[in-house]
Amino acid sequence: MVERYVFLKLAEAHADAAGRAAVRDEVRRVFPGLPGVRGVRVGIPADAGAASAWDVVLIVSFDRVEDTSAYLTAPAHVAFADDFLAPRVAMKKAWNFEVGS
């Protein structure tokens, strides 16, 4: 299994509880229907150290790393990234990791 970790630093106007909740809710609405996605979790910082660096983390699960290509180019993901997320995000970092045994 592969997990894609996407860390988001929200723009100042959205870097509050309501802004984080809006991202969480939209991710939960859009991501389950994206190709290749086996699961998605959304995290909010649990301590001051995490909160100083990031506002939201997405953990998206796939069977194989190759499945991330279909997810990234799916029209619903492109619309999410371009229309919903881009105006709200100051910085984004993403990495894929193999998990499990």
N, C-alpha and C. Protein backbone atom coordinates (compact mmCIF):
# COMPACT_ATOMS: atom_id res chain seq x y z
N MET A 1 0.84 -1.17 0.00
CA MET A 1 0.00 0.00 0.00
C MET A 1 0.89 1.24 0.00
N VAL A 2 0.38 2.29 -0.62
CA VAL A 2 1.07 3.57 -0.68
C VAL A 2 0.19 4.63 -0.04
N GLU A 3 0.80 5.48 0.75
CA GLU A 3 0.09 6.62 1.31
C GLU A 3 0.75 7.89 0.82
N ARG A 4 -0.08 8.81 0.36
CA ARG A 4 0.38 10.12 -0.08
C ARG A 4 0.05 11.11 1.04
N TYR A 5 1.08 11.75 1.55
CA TYR A 5 0.93 12.74 2.61
C TYR A 5 0.99 14.13 1.98
N VAL A 6 -0.06 14.89 2.14
CA VAL A 6 -0.13 16.24 1.57
C VAL A 6 -0.29 17.22 2.72
N PHE A 7 0.73 18.05 2.92
CA PHE A 7 0.72 19.04 3.98
C PHE A 7 0.33 20.39 3.41
N LEU A 8 -0.62 21.06 4.06
CA LEU A 8 -1.13 22.33 3.57
C LEU A 8 -0.94 23.43 4.61
N LYS A 9 -0.36 24.53 4.18
CA LYS A 9 -0.31 25.75 4.98
C LYS A 9 -1.31 26.69 4.32
N LEU A 10 -2.35 27.03 5.04
CA LEU A 10 -3.40 27.86 4.46
C LEU A 10 -3.00 29.32 4.43
N ALA A 11 -3.55 30.04 3.45
CA ALA A 11 -3.36 31.48 3.38
C ALA A 11 -3.95 32.11 4.64
N GLU A 12 -3.44 33.24 5.03
CA GLU A 12 -3.82 33.87 6.29
C GLU A 12 -5.33 34.01 6.45
N ALA A 13 -6.03 34.36 5.40
CA ALA A 13 -7.48 34.55 5.48
C ALA A 13 -8.24 33.26 5.77
N HIS A 14 -7.59 32.11 5.57
CA HIS A 14 -8.24 30.81 5.76
C HIS A 14 -7.61 29.99 6.88
N ALA A 15 -6.58 30.53 7.52
CA ALA A 15 -5.82 29.78 8.53
C ALA A 15 -6.47 29.89 9.91
N ASP A 16 -7.70 29.40 9.98
CA ASP A 16 -8.41 29.37 11.25
C ASP A 16 -9.25 28.09 11.28
N ALA A 17 -9.97 27.88 12.36
CA ALA A 17 -10.75 26.64 12.51
C ALA A 17 -11.76 26.47 11.37
N ALA A 18 -12.40 27.54 10.97
CA ALA A 18 -13.39 27.45 9.89
C ALA A 18 -12.72 27.11 8.56
N GLY A 19 -11.57 27.68 8.30
CA GLY A 19 -10.85 27.40 7.06
C GLY A 19 -10.37 25.96 7.00
N ARG A 20 -9.84 25.47 8.13
CA ARG A 20 -9.40 24.07 8.18
C ARG A 20 -10.58 23.13 8.02
N ALA A 21 -11.70 23.45 8.64
CA ALA A 21 -12.91 22.61 8.52
C ALA A 21 -13.43 22.60 7.09
N ALA A 22 -13.36 23.73 6.40
CA ALA A 22 -13.83 23.79 5.01
C ALA A 22 -12.99 22.86 4.12
N VAL A 23 -11.67 22.87 4.32
CA VAL A 23 -10.79 21.98 3.55
C VAL A 23 -11.11 20.53 3.90
N ARG A 24 -11.21 20.23 5.18
CA ARG A 24 -11.53 18.87 5.61
C ARG A 24 -12.83 18.38 4.98
N ASP A 25 -13.85 19.19 5.02
CA ASP A 25 -15.15 18.78 4.50
C ASP A 25 -15.13 18.57 2.99
N GLU A 26 -14.42 19.42 2.28
CA GLU A 26 -14.35 19.28 0.81
C GLU A 26 -13.54 18.05 0.42
N VAL A 27 -12.46 17.79 1.13
CA VAL A 27 -11.67 16.58 0.88
C VAL A 27 -12.53 15.34 1.10
N ARG A 28 -13.24 15.32 2.21
CA ARG A 28 -14.09 14.16 2.51
C ARG A 28 -15.20 13.99 1.48
N ARG A 29 -15.63 15.06 0.85
CA ARG A 29 -16.67 14.99 -0.18
C ARG A 29 -16.12 14.50 -1.51
N VAL A 30 -14.95 15.02 -1.91
CA VAL A 30 -14.41 14.77 -3.25
C VAL A 30 -13.57 13.50 -3.34
N PHE A 31 -12.68 13.28 -2.40
CA PHE A 31 -11.65 12.25 -2.56
C PHE A 31 -12.15 10.81 -2.62
N PRO A 32 -13.17 10.42 -1.89
CA PRO A 32 -13.60 9.02 -1.99
C PRO A 32 -14.00 8.59 -3.39
N GLY A 33 -14.41 9.51 -4.24
CA GLY A 33 -14.81 9.17 -5.60
C GLY A 33 -13.70 9.25 -6.63
N LEU A 34 -12.50 9.60 -6.22
CA LEU A 34 -11.40 9.74 -7.18
C LEU A 34 -10.82 8.38 -7.53
N PRO A 35 -10.38 8.21 -8.79
CA PRO A 35 -9.83 6.92 -9.21
C PRO A 35 -8.58 6.54 -8.42
N GLY A 36 -8.54 5.28 -8.01
CA GLY A 36 -7.38 4.75 -7.32
C GLY A 36 -7.35 4.99 -5.83
N VAL A 37 -8.18 5.89 -5.33
CA VAL A 37 -8.16 6.21 -3.90
C VAL A 37 -8.84 5.09 -3.11
N ARG A 38 -8.08 4.52 -2.18
CA ARG A 38 -8.61 3.45 -1.32
C ARG A 38 -9.13 3.99 0.01
N GLY A 39 -8.65 5.17 0.39
CA GLY A 39 -9.08 5.78 1.63
C GLY A 39 -8.46 7.15 1.78
N VAL A 40 -9.07 7.97 2.61
CA VAL A 40 -8.52 9.31 2.86
C VAL A 40 -8.79 9.68 4.32
N ARG A 41 -7.77 10.27 4.93
CA ARG A 41 -7.89 10.81 6.29
C ARG A 41 -7.42 12.26 6.25
N VAL A 42 -8.00 13.07 7.10
CA VAL A 42 -7.63 14.48 7.17
C VAL A 42 -7.25 14.77 8.61
N GLY A 43 -6.07 15.38 8.79
CA GLY A 43 -5.60 15.71 10.13
C GLY A 43 -5.45 17.21 10.31
N ILE A 44 -5.71 17.62 11.53
CA ILE A 44 -5.54 19.01 11.95
C ILE A 44 -4.44 18.99 13.02
N PRO A 45 -3.56 19.99 13.09
CA PRO A 45 -2.47 19.95 14.06
C PRO A 45 -2.95 19.69 15.48
N ALA A 46 -2.21 18.83 16.17
CA ALA A 46 -2.56 18.45 17.53
C ALA A 46 -1.74 19.20 18.57
N ASP A 47 -0.72 19.93 18.12
CA ASP A 47 0.10 20.67 19.07
C ASP A 47 0.63 21.94 18.42
N ALA A 48 1.21 22.81 19.23
CA ALA A 48 1.66 24.12 18.75
C ALA A 48 2.76 24.00 17.70
N GLY A 49 3.64 23.01 17.85
CA GLY A 49 4.72 22.84 16.87
C GLY A 49 4.18 22.53 15.49
N ALA A 50 3.24 21.61 15.42
CA ALA A 50 2.64 21.27 14.13
C ALA A 50 1.84 22.45 13.59
N ALA A 51 1.11 23.13 14.46
CA ALA A 51 0.28 24.25 14.03
C ALA A 51 1.09 25.41 13.49
N SER A 52 2.33 25.56 13.97
CA SER A 52 3.16 26.65 13.47
C SER A 52 3.66 26.40 12.05
N ALA A 53 3.64 25.14 11.63
CA ALA A 53 4.16 24.80 10.31
C ALA A 53 3.06 24.50 9.29
N TRP A 54 1.99 23.82 9.71
CA TRP A 54 0.96 23.34 8.79
C TRP A 54 -0.43 23.51 9.39
N ASP A 55 -1.43 23.60 8.52
CA ASP A 55 -2.82 23.71 8.98
C ASP A 55 -3.60 22.42 8.80
N VAL A 56 -3.28 21.68 7.76
CA VAL A 56 -4.02 20.46 7.43
C VAL A 56 -3.05 19.46 6.82
N VAL A 57 -3.26 18.17 7.12
CA VAL A 57 -2.56 17.11 6.42
C VAL A 57 -3.60 16.16 5.85
N LEU A 58 -3.40 15.76 4.60
CA LEU A 58 -4.23 14.75 3.95
C LEU A 58 -3.41 13.49 3.84
N ILE A 59 -4.00 12.37 4.17
CA ILE A 59 -3.34 11.08 4.01
C ILE A 59 -4.23 10.26 3.09
N VAL A 60 -3.76 10.07 1.87
CA VAL A 60 -4.56 9.41 0.83
C VAL A 60 -3.92 8.06 0.55
N SER A 61 -4.72 7.00 0.62
CA SER A 61 -4.21 5.63 0.46
C SER A 61 -4.50 5.09 -0.94
N PHE A 62 -3.51 4.37 -1.48
CA PHE A 62 -3.59 3.74 -2.79
C PHE A 62 -3.02 2.33 -2.70
N ASP A 63 -3.39 1.48 -3.64
CA ASP A 63 -2.80 0.15 -3.70
C ASP A 63 -1.34 0.21 -4.16
N ARG A 64 -1.08 1.07 -5.18
CA ARG A 64 0.26 1.15 -5.78
C ARG A 64 0.60 2.61 -6.05
N VAL A 65 1.87 2.92 -6.12
CA VAL A 65 2.28 4.30 -6.39
C VAL A 65 1.80 4.74 -7.77
N GLU A 66 1.67 3.82 -8.71
CA GLU A 66 1.20 4.17 -10.05
C GLU A 66 -0.23 4.70 -10.03
N ASP A 67 -0.99 4.33 -9.01
CA ASP A 67 -2.38 4.78 -8.92
C ASP A 67 -2.50 6.27 -8.62
N THR A 68 -1.41 6.88 -8.15
CA THR A 68 -1.48 8.31 -7.86
C THR A 68 -1.61 9.15 -9.13
N SER A 69 -1.15 8.65 -10.26
CA SER A 69 -1.25 9.40 -11.52
C SER A 69 -2.70 9.63 -11.92
N ALA A 70 -3.52 8.58 -11.84
CA ALA A 70 -4.93 8.71 -12.21
C ALA A 70 -5.65 9.67 -11.27
N TYR A 71 -5.30 9.61 -10.01
CA TYR A 71 -5.90 10.50 -9.00
C TYR A 71 -5.55 11.96 -9.28
N LEU A 72 -4.28 12.21 -9.55
CA LEU A 72 -3.83 13.58 -9.76
C LEU A 72 -4.43 14.23 -11.00
N THR A 73 -4.69 13.43 -12.04
CA THR A 73 -5.19 13.98 -13.30
C THR A 73 -6.71 13.86 -13.46
N ALA A 74 -7.38 13.25 -12.49
CA ALA A 74 -8.84 13.12 -12.57
C ALA A 74 -9.47 14.52 -12.57
N PRO A 75 -10.45 14.74 -13.43
CA PRO A 75 -11.08 16.07 -13.50
C PRO A 75 -11.59 16.59 -12.15
N ALA A 76 -12.13 15.72 -11.32
CA ALA A 76 -12.64 16.17 -10.01
C ALA A 76 -11.49 16.61 -9.11
N HIS A 77 -10.32 15.95 -9.21
CA HIS A 77 -9.16 16.37 -8.40
C HIS A 77 -8.59 17.67 -8.94
N VAL A 78 -8.51 17.80 -10.25
CA VAL A 78 -8.00 19.04 -10.85
C VAL A 78 -8.89 20.21 -10.44
N ALA A 79 -10.20 20.04 -10.49
CA ALA A 79 -11.13 21.09 -10.08
C ALA A 79 -10.95 21.42 -8.60
N PHE A 80 -10.81 20.39 -7.76
CA PHE A 80 -10.57 20.61 -6.33
C PHE A 80 -9.30 21.43 -6.13
N ALA A 81 -8.21 21.01 -6.77
CA ALA A 81 -6.92 21.67 -6.59
C ALA A 81 -6.92 23.10 -7.13
N ASP A 82 -7.46 23.27 -8.33
CA ASP A 82 -7.40 24.59 -8.98
C ASP A 82 -8.45 25.57 -8.46
N ASP A 83 -9.69 25.09 -8.32
CA ASP A 83 -10.79 26.00 -8.00
C ASP A 83 -11.02 26.17 -6.50
N PHE A 84 -10.91 25.08 -5.75
CA PHE A 84 -11.18 25.16 -4.31
C PHE A 84 -9.91 25.43 -3.51
N LEU A 85 -8.88 24.62 -3.71
CA LEU A 85 -7.72 24.67 -2.84
C LEU A 85 -6.76 25.83 -3.13
N ALA A 86 -6.45 26.07 -4.39
CA ALA A 86 -5.44 27.08 -4.74
C ALA A 86 -5.70 28.44 -4.11
N PRO A 87 -6.93 28.95 -4.10
CA PRO A 87 -7.15 30.26 -3.47
C PRO A 87 -6.98 30.25 -1.94
N ARG A 88 -6.96 29.08 -1.33
CA ARG A 88 -6.91 28.97 0.12
C ARG A 88 -5.53 28.60 0.67
N VAL A 89 -4.61 28.19 -0.20
CA VAL A 89 -3.34 27.62 0.25
C VAL A 89 -2.17 28.54 -0.05
N ALA A 90 -1.32 28.72 0.96
CA ALA A 90 -0.09 29.48 0.78
C ALA A 90 1.06 28.56 0.38
N MET A 91 1.05 27.31 0.91
CA MET A 91 2.13 26.36 0.60
C MET A 91 1.58 24.95 0.69
N LYS A 92 2.09 24.09 -0.19
CA LYS A 92 1.68 22.68 -0.20
C LYS A 92 2.91 21.82 -0.47
N LYS A 93 3.03 20.74 0.28
CA LYS A 93 4.10 19.76 0.08
C LYS A 93 3.45 18.39 0.07
N ALA A 94 3.92 17.51 -0.82
CA ALA A 94 3.34 16.16 -0.91
C ALA A 94 4.43 15.13 -1.17
N TRP A 95 4.29 13.97 -0.50
CA TRP A 95 5.20 12.86 -0.67
C TRP A 95 4.42 11.56 -0.64
N ASN A 96 4.93 10.56 -1.36
CA ASN A 96 4.35 9.22 -1.35
C ASN A 96 5.26 8.28 -0.55
N PHE A 97 4.64 7.42 0.28
CA PHE A 97 5.38 6.45 1.07
C PHE A 97 4.76 5.08 0.94
N GLU A 98 5.61 4.05 0.81
CA GLU A 98 5.13 2.68 0.92
C GLU A 98 4.94 2.39 2.38
N VAL A 99 3.79 1.78 2.72
CA VAL A 99 3.51 1.45 4.11
C VAL A 99 3.10 0.00 4.23
N GLY A 100 3.18 -0.52 5.41
CA GLY A 100 2.83 -1.93 5.64
C GLY A 100 4.04 -2.82 5.44
N SER A 101 3.78 -4.12 5.47
CA SER A 101 4.90 -5.06 5.33
C SER A 101 4.95 -5.66 3.96
